[in-house]
N, C-alpha and C. Protein backbone atom coordinates (compact mmCIF):
# COMPACT_ATOMS: atom_id res chain seq x y z
N UNK A 1 0.85 -1.18 0.00
CA UNK A 1 0.00 0.00 0.00
C UNK A 1 0.90 1.25 0.00
N UNK A 2 0.50 2.22 -0.78
CA UNK A 2 1.30 3.45 -0.91
C UNK A 2 1.19 4.31 0.34
N UNK A 3 2.32 4.90 0.71
CA UNK A 3 2.34 5.85 1.82
C UNK A 3 2.07 7.27 1.32
N UNK A 4 2.48 7.54 0.09
CA UNK A 4 2.27 8.86 -0.51
C UNK A 4 1.56 8.65 -1.84
N UNK A 5 0.41 9.30 -1.99
CA UNK A 5 -0.33 9.30 -3.25
C UNK A 5 -0.58 10.75 -3.61
N UNK A 6 -0.30 11.07 -4.85
CA UNK A 6 -0.46 12.46 -5.27
C UNK A 6 -0.86 12.46 -6.74
N UNK A 7 -1.73 13.38 -7.11
CA UNK A 7 -2.09 13.57 -8.51
C UNK A 7 -1.83 15.03 -8.84
N UNK A 8 -1.06 15.25 -9.90
CA UNK A 8 -0.82 16.60 -10.40
C UNK A 8 -1.44 16.68 -11.79
N UNK A 9 -2.19 17.74 -12.03
CA UNK A 9 -2.86 17.93 -13.31
C UNK A 9 -1.99 18.80 -14.21
N UNK A 10 -2.04 18.53 -15.51
CA UNK A 10 -1.26 19.31 -16.46
C UNK A 10 -2.04 19.45 -17.77
N UNK A 11 -1.60 20.36 -18.60
CA UNK A 11 -2.20 20.53 -19.92
C UNK A 11 -1.10 20.47 -20.98
N UNK A 12 -0.10 19.67 -20.72
CA UNK A 12 1.05 19.54 -21.61
C UNK A 12 0.84 18.37 -22.57
N UNK A 13 1.52 18.41 -23.72
CA UNK A 13 1.52 17.21 -24.56
C UNK A 13 2.17 16.06 -23.77
N UNK A 14 1.80 14.84 -24.09
CA UNK A 14 2.28 13.69 -23.33
C UNK A 14 3.81 13.63 -23.29
N UNK A 15 4.46 13.91 -24.40
CA UNK A 15 5.93 13.86 -24.43
C UNK A 15 6.53 14.90 -23.49
N UNK A 16 5.95 16.09 -23.42
CA UNK A 16 6.45 17.14 -22.51
C UNK A 16 6.21 16.73 -21.06
N UNK A 17 5.06 16.12 -20.79
CA UNK A 17 4.76 15.67 -19.43
C UNK A 17 5.74 14.57 -19.01
N UNK A 18 6.09 13.69 -19.93
CA UNK A 18 7.09 12.65 -19.62
C UNK A 18 8.45 13.29 -19.33
N UNK A 19 8.82 14.31 -20.12
CA UNK A 19 10.08 15.02 -19.87
C UNK A 19 10.08 15.65 -18.49
N UNK A 20 8.95 16.25 -18.12
CA UNK A 20 8.83 16.88 -16.81
C UNK A 20 8.98 15.85 -15.69
N UNK A 21 8.35 14.70 -15.85
CA UNK A 21 8.46 13.63 -14.86
C UNK A 21 9.90 13.16 -14.76
N UNK A 22 10.58 13.06 -15.89
CA UNK A 22 11.98 12.65 -15.87
C UNK A 22 12.83 13.67 -15.13
N UNK A 23 12.56 14.97 -15.36
CA UNK A 23 13.30 16.02 -14.64
C UNK A 23 13.05 15.92 -13.14
N UNK A 24 11.80 15.70 -12.77
CA UNK A 24 11.47 15.57 -11.35
C UNK A 24 12.21 14.37 -10.75
N UNK A 25 12.21 13.26 -11.47
CA UNK A 25 12.90 12.07 -10.97
C UNK A 25 14.41 12.31 -10.89
N UNK A 26 14.97 13.01 -11.87
CA UNK A 26 16.40 13.31 -11.84
C UNK A 26 16.75 14.18 -10.64
N UNK A 27 15.93 15.22 -10.40
CA UNK A 27 16.17 16.11 -9.26
C UNK A 27 16.07 15.36 -7.94
N UNK A 28 15.02 14.57 -7.78
CA UNK A 28 14.85 13.81 -6.55
C UNK A 28 15.90 12.70 -6.45
N UNK A 29 16.28 12.15 -7.59
CA UNK A 29 17.29 11.10 -7.61
C UNK A 29 18.64 11.58 -7.12
N UNK A 30 19.01 12.81 -7.52
CA UNK A 30 20.27 13.38 -7.06
C UNK A 30 20.25 13.60 -5.55
N UNK A 31 19.14 14.08 -5.07
CA UNK A 31 19.05 14.41 -3.65
C UNK A 31 18.89 13.17 -2.77
N UNK A 32 18.12 12.20 -3.24
CA UNK A 32 17.82 11.04 -2.40
C UNK A 32 18.44 9.74 -2.91
N UNK A 33 19.32 9.82 -3.91
CA UNK A 33 20.03 8.66 -4.44
C UNK A 33 19.06 7.61 -4.98
N UNK A 34 18.07 8.06 -5.75
CA UNK A 34 17.10 7.16 -6.37
C UNK A 34 17.56 6.78 -7.76
N UNK A 35 17.25 5.57 -8.18
CA UNK A 35 17.44 5.18 -9.57
C UNK A 35 16.05 5.00 -10.18
N UNK A 36 15.96 5.23 -11.48
CA UNK A 36 14.64 5.15 -12.11
C UNK A 36 14.75 4.58 -13.51
N UNK A 37 13.64 4.01 -13.97
CA UNK A 37 13.55 3.50 -15.33
C UNK A 37 12.09 3.54 -15.78
N UNK A 38 11.91 3.73 -17.08
CA UNK A 38 10.57 3.81 -17.67
C UNK A 38 10.06 2.42 -18.01
N UNK A 39 8.78 2.21 -17.74
CA UNK A 39 8.04 1.03 -18.17
C UNK A 39 6.76 1.57 -18.79
N UNK A 40 6.74 1.73 -20.11
CA UNK A 40 5.60 2.35 -20.78
C UNK A 40 5.52 3.81 -20.38
N UNK A 41 4.36 4.24 -19.89
CA UNK A 41 4.17 5.63 -19.46
C UNK A 41 4.32 5.78 -17.95
N UNK A 42 5.00 4.85 -17.32
CA UNK A 42 5.22 4.91 -15.87
C UNK A 42 6.72 4.89 -15.59
N UNK A 43 7.16 5.84 -14.80
CA UNK A 43 8.56 5.90 -14.39
C UNK A 43 8.65 5.28 -13.00
N UNK A 44 9.33 4.15 -12.90
CA UNK A 44 9.51 3.46 -11.62
C UNK A 44 10.83 3.92 -11.01
N UNK A 45 10.83 4.15 -9.70
CA UNK A 45 12.05 4.58 -9.01
C UNK A 45 12.18 3.80 -7.71
N UNK A 46 13.43 3.71 -7.25
CA UNK A 46 13.66 2.94 -6.03
C UNK A 46 15.03 3.25 -5.45
N UNK A 47 15.16 2.89 -4.22
CA UNK A 47 16.41 2.86 -3.47
C UNK A 47 16.09 2.12 -2.18
N UNK A 48 17.05 1.88 -1.36
CA UNK A 48 16.79 1.18 -0.11
C UNK A 48 15.78 2.00 0.70
N UNK A 49 14.65 1.40 1.02
CA UNK A 49 13.65 2.05 1.85
C UNK A 49 12.61 2.88 1.11
N UNK A 50 12.73 2.98 -0.22
CA UNK A 50 11.77 3.77 -1.01
C UNK A 50 11.56 3.07 -2.35
N UNK A 51 10.30 2.97 -2.73
CA UNK A 51 9.99 2.53 -4.09
C UNK A 51 8.69 3.20 -4.51
N UNK A 52 8.58 3.45 -5.80
CA UNK A 52 7.36 4.09 -6.27
C UNK A 52 7.35 4.23 -7.77
N UNK A 53 6.32 4.93 -8.22
CA UNK A 53 6.19 5.18 -9.65
C UNK A 53 5.45 6.48 -9.89
N UNK A 54 5.72 7.07 -11.04
CA UNK A 54 5.00 8.24 -11.53
C UNK A 54 4.41 7.85 -12.88
N UNK A 55 3.10 7.75 -12.95
CA UNK A 55 2.43 7.37 -14.18
C UNK A 55 1.91 8.64 -14.86
N UNK A 56 2.20 8.75 -16.15
CA UNK A 56 1.85 9.94 -16.91
C UNK A 56 0.67 9.63 -17.83
N UNK A 57 -0.37 10.46 -17.75
CA UNK A 57 -1.48 10.38 -18.70
C UNK A 57 -1.53 11.71 -19.45
N UNK A 58 -2.51 11.85 -20.32
CA UNK A 58 -2.62 13.09 -21.11
C UNK A 58 -2.99 14.30 -20.27
N UNK A 59 -3.52 14.09 -19.07
CA UNK A 59 -3.93 15.22 -18.24
C UNK A 59 -3.43 15.16 -16.79
N UNK A 60 -2.83 14.02 -16.39
CA UNK A 60 -2.46 13.86 -14.99
C UNK A 60 -1.12 13.16 -14.85
N UNK A 61 -0.52 13.39 -13.70
CA UNK A 61 0.67 12.65 -13.27
C UNK A 61 0.31 12.04 -11.92
N UNK A 62 0.30 10.71 -11.86
CA UNK A 62 -0.03 9.99 -10.63
C UNK A 62 1.26 9.54 -9.97
N UNK A 63 1.42 9.92 -8.74
CA UNK A 63 2.60 9.53 -7.96
C UNK A 63 2.17 8.60 -6.84
N UNK A 64 2.84 7.46 -6.75
CA UNK A 64 2.62 6.51 -5.66
C UNK A 64 3.98 6.14 -5.10
N UNK A 65 4.15 6.32 -3.79
CA UNK A 65 5.42 6.03 -3.14
C UNK A 65 5.17 5.16 -1.91
N UNK A 66 5.98 4.14 -1.76
CA UNK A 66 5.96 3.31 -0.56
C UNK A 66 7.27 3.54 0.18
N UNK A 67 7.15 3.92 1.43
CA UNK A 67 8.32 4.19 2.26
C UNK A 67 8.60 3.01 3.18
N UNK A 68 9.87 2.75 3.38
CA UNK A 68 10.26 1.72 4.33
C UNK A 68 10.01 2.19 5.76
N UNK A 69 10.06 1.27 6.67
CA UNK A 69 9.77 1.54 8.08
C UNK A 69 10.56 2.73 8.64
N UNK A 70 11.86 2.79 8.33
CA UNK A 70 12.70 3.85 8.89
C UNK A 70 12.43 5.23 8.29
N UNK A 71 11.83 5.28 7.10
CA UNK A 71 11.57 6.57 6.45
C UNK A 71 10.15 7.09 6.68
N UNK A 72 9.26 6.28 7.19
CA UNK A 72 7.88 6.71 7.41
C UNK A 72 7.77 7.97 8.29
N UNK A 73 8.62 8.16 9.31
CA UNK A 73 8.51 9.38 10.11
C UNK A 73 8.81 10.67 9.31
N UNK A 74 9.46 10.52 8.16
CA UNK A 74 9.80 11.69 7.34
C UNK A 74 8.82 11.92 6.19
N UNK A 75 7.69 11.26 6.22
CA UNK A 75 6.71 11.33 5.15
C UNK A 75 6.31 12.77 4.84
N UNK A 76 5.99 13.56 5.84
CA UNK A 76 5.54 14.95 5.62
C UNK A 76 6.61 15.77 4.90
N UNK A 77 7.87 15.55 5.27
CA UNK A 77 8.96 16.26 4.62
C UNK A 77 9.06 15.86 3.15
N UNK A 78 8.92 14.56 2.85
CA UNK A 78 8.98 14.09 1.48
C UNK A 78 7.82 14.66 0.66
N UNK A 79 6.62 14.65 1.22
CA UNK A 79 5.45 15.18 0.50
C UNK A 79 5.67 16.66 0.16
N UNK A 80 6.10 17.42 1.13
CA UNK A 80 6.34 18.86 0.90
C UNK A 80 7.39 19.08 -0.19
N UNK A 81 8.45 18.32 -0.12
CA UNK A 81 9.54 18.47 -1.09
C UNK A 81 9.09 18.07 -2.49
N UNK A 82 8.36 16.96 -2.61
CA UNK A 82 7.88 16.49 -3.90
C UNK A 82 6.90 17.50 -4.50
N UNK A 83 5.96 17.99 -3.69
CA UNK A 83 4.98 18.97 -4.19
C UNK A 83 5.67 20.24 -4.67
N UNK A 84 6.62 20.72 -3.89
CA UNK A 84 7.36 21.92 -4.28
C UNK A 84 8.09 21.71 -5.61
N UNK A 85 8.74 20.56 -5.74
CA UNK A 85 9.48 20.25 -6.96
C UNK A 85 8.53 20.19 -8.17
N UNK A 86 7.41 19.48 -8.04
CA UNK A 86 6.45 19.39 -9.14
C UNK A 86 5.85 20.74 -9.48
N UNK A 87 5.45 21.50 -8.47
CA UNK A 87 4.85 22.81 -8.73
C UNK A 87 5.81 23.72 -9.47
N UNK A 88 7.08 23.69 -9.09
CA UNK A 88 8.09 24.51 -9.76
C UNK A 88 8.26 24.07 -11.21
N UNK A 89 8.36 22.77 -11.45
CA UNK A 89 8.53 22.27 -12.80
C UNK A 89 7.29 22.52 -13.66
N UNK A 90 6.10 22.30 -13.10
CA UNK A 90 4.87 22.53 -13.86
C UNK A 90 4.68 24.00 -14.21
N UNK A 91 4.96 24.89 -13.26
CA UNK A 91 4.79 26.32 -13.56
C UNK A 91 5.79 26.75 -14.62
N UNK A 92 7.02 26.24 -14.56
CA UNK A 92 8.01 26.55 -15.58
C UNK A 92 7.61 26.02 -16.95
N UNK A 93 7.04 24.82 -16.98
CA UNK A 93 6.61 24.23 -18.25
C UNK A 93 5.44 25.00 -18.84
N UNK A 94 4.50 25.43 -17.99
CA UNK A 94 3.35 26.19 -18.48
C UNK A 94 3.78 27.57 -18.97
N UNK A 95 4.72 28.20 -18.26
CA UNK A 95 5.22 29.51 -18.71
C UNK A 95 5.94 29.38 -20.04
N UNK A 96 6.74 28.33 -20.19
CA UNK A 96 7.47 28.11 -21.45
C UNK A 96 6.48 27.84 -22.58
N UNK A 97 5.43 27.09 -22.29
CA UNK A 97 4.41 26.81 -23.31
C UNK A 97 3.67 28.05 -23.74
N UNK A 98 3.36 28.93 -22.78
CA UNK A 98 2.68 30.17 -23.12
C UNK A 98 3.57 31.08 -23.93
N UNK A 99 4.84 31.16 -23.57
CA UNK A 99 5.77 32.02 -24.30
C UNK A 99 5.94 31.51 -25.73
N UNK A 100 5.97 30.20 -25.91
CA UNK A 100 6.14 29.63 -27.25
C UNK A 100 4.89 29.82 -28.10
N UNK A 101 3.72 29.91 -27.47
CA UNK A 101 2.49 30.04 -28.23
C UNK A 101 2.10 31.48 -28.51
N UNK A 102 2.83 32.44 -27.96
CA UNK A 102 2.52 33.84 -28.21
C UNK A 102 2.94 34.21 -29.63
N UNK A 103 2.10 35.00 -30.33
CA UNK A 103 2.51 35.45 -31.65
C UNK A 103 3.64 36.45 -31.51
N UNK A 104 4.46 36.60 -32.54
CA UNK A 104 5.55 37.56 -32.45
C UNK A 104 5.01 38.97 -32.27
N UNK A 105 5.73 39.75 -31.49
CA UNK A 105 5.30 41.13 -31.22
C UNK A 105 5.42 41.96 -32.49
N UNK A 106 4.46 42.82 -32.69
CA UNK A 106 4.51 43.72 -33.85
C UNK A 106 5.24 44.98 -33.46
N UNK A 107 6.03 45.45 -34.36
CA UNK A 107 6.73 46.70 -34.13
C UNK A 107 5.85 47.82 -34.67
N UNK A 108 5.67 48.81 -33.86
CA UNK A 108 4.87 49.96 -34.30
C UNK A 108 5.72 50.81 -35.23
N UNK A 109 5.09 51.21 -36.30
CA UNK A 109 5.80 52.07 -37.25
C UNK A 109 5.92 53.46 -36.65
N UNK A 110 7.13 53.98 -36.69
CA UNK A 110 7.35 55.33 -36.15
C UNK A 110 7.06 56.34 -37.24
N UNK A 111 6.37 57.38 -36.85
CA UNK A 111 6.10 58.47 -37.79
C UNK A 111 7.28 59.41 -37.77
N UNK A 112 7.63 59.80 -38.92
CA UNK A 112 8.75 60.74 -39.02
C UNK A 112 8.24 62.13 -38.76
N UNK A 113 8.88 62.85 -37.87
CA UNK A 113 8.49 64.23 -37.57
C UNK A 113 9.45 65.20 -38.25
N UNK A 114 10.29 64.68 -39.08
CA UNK A 114 11.26 65.48 -39.76
C UNK A 114 10.59 66.26 -40.89
N UNK A 115 10.93 67.53 -41.04
CA UNK A 115 10.37 68.35 -42.12
C UNK A 115 11.35 68.36 -43.27
N UNK A 116 10.81 68.24 -44.46
CA UNK A 116 11.66 68.19 -45.64
C UNK A 116 12.08 69.55 -46.10
């Protein structure tokens, strides 16, 4: 049974959402020494005392984590850290998507005030 369950909603293309999940796993992997591998649209991760997966759909990212006995007291810290990491990555991805979808700015033509 999972100790941490979380769903994050997104409006990204599936490939971008997978990239975001990989970035999240890489960031958490560096900090907590996790290894990860993809199985279809689910990224499985593990280390001694932690195992879980992040499943990516077209609109959601489902996170399920099982903590070992010694790590259960730190659950709240892990949840806070994971949420912060996802929120930062999702907001960055949405900002990048909005910037890419903006039409190019028009330059206003300057009127010449010079007299001939």
